[in-house]
Protein backbone atom coordinates (compact mmCIF):
# COMPACT_ATOMS: atom_id res chain seq x y z
CA MET A 1 35.69 -23.88 -3.86
CA ILE A 2 35.55 -20.90 -1.45
CA LYS A 3 33.41 -18.42 -3.53
CA SER A 4 31.33 -21.61 -3.84
CA SER A 5 31.05 -21.27 -0.07
CA LEU A 6 30.13 -18.13 0.85
CA ASP A 7 27.52 -18.17 -2.18
CA ASN A 8 25.26 -20.44 -0.64
CA TYR A 9 26.19 -19.72 2.46
CA ILE A 10 25.04 -15.52 2.02
CA GLY A 11 22.73 -17.46 -0.21
CA LEU A 12 20.15 -18.37 2.10
CA TYR A 13 19.73 -15.60 4.46
CA ASP A 14 19.49 -13.72 1.03
CA ARG A 15 16.76 -16.29 0.29
CA ILE A 16 15.20 -15.61 4.17
CA GLY A 17 15.78 -11.72 4.11
CA MET A 18 13.16 -12.57 0.31
CA GLN A 19 11.03 -15.00 2.33
CA ALA A 20 10.61 -12.84 4.47
CA GLY A 21 9.81 -9.47 3.10
CA LEU A 22 7.12 -11.17 0.34
CA GLY A 23 4.85 -11.89 3.53
CA ALA A 24 5.07 -8.46 4.76
CA PRO A 25 1.60 -6.37 5.03
CA GLU A 26 3.57 -4.15 2.01
CA SER A 27 4.41 -6.96 0.04
CA ILE A 28 1.33 -7.82 0.13
CA GLU A 29 -0.27 -4.21 -0.39
CA GLY A 30 1.90 -3.57 -3.29
CA PHE A 31 1.53 -6.93 -5.29
CA ARG A 32 -3.13 -5.75 -4.69
CA ALA A 33 -2.63 -2.35 -5.82
CA PHE A 34 -0.98 -3.97 -9.04
CA GLU A 35 -3.00 -6.35 -10.04
CA GLU A 36 -5.45 -3.67 -9.52
CA ARG A 37 -3.71 -1.09 -11.83
CA ARG A 38 -3.98 1.56 -8.85
CA PHE A 39 -1.50 3.00 -6.16
CA PRO A 40 -0.53 1.18 -3.04
CA ASN A 41 -2.94 2.50 0.39
CA TRP A 42 -0.81 2.22 3.39
CA VAL A 43 1.28 3.57 5.88
CA HIS A 44 4.27 3.06 8.20
CA PRO A 45 2.40 1.28 11.46
CA GLY A 46 4.84 4.55 13.95
CA LEU A 47 2.32 6.46 12.22
CA ARG A 48 -1.19 5.04 12.75
CA LEU A 49 -3.24 6.68 15.79
CA ASP A 50 -5.55 4.40 16.59
CA GLY A 51 -5.63 2.54 12.91
CA ARG A 52 -6.83 5.74 11.53
CA LEU A 53 -4.43 8.75 10.39
């Protein structure tokens, strides 16, 4: 009973985190690059200067 309760509680946060991660720009670019058989092209937002490197 305790194990099931903890699994349900932690599983909720795991699903929320997964849902948020799949909609991130990095994930979208990663999936697109995989489909197009190329390397992903992304830069961390903290490293961008005026929208470019």
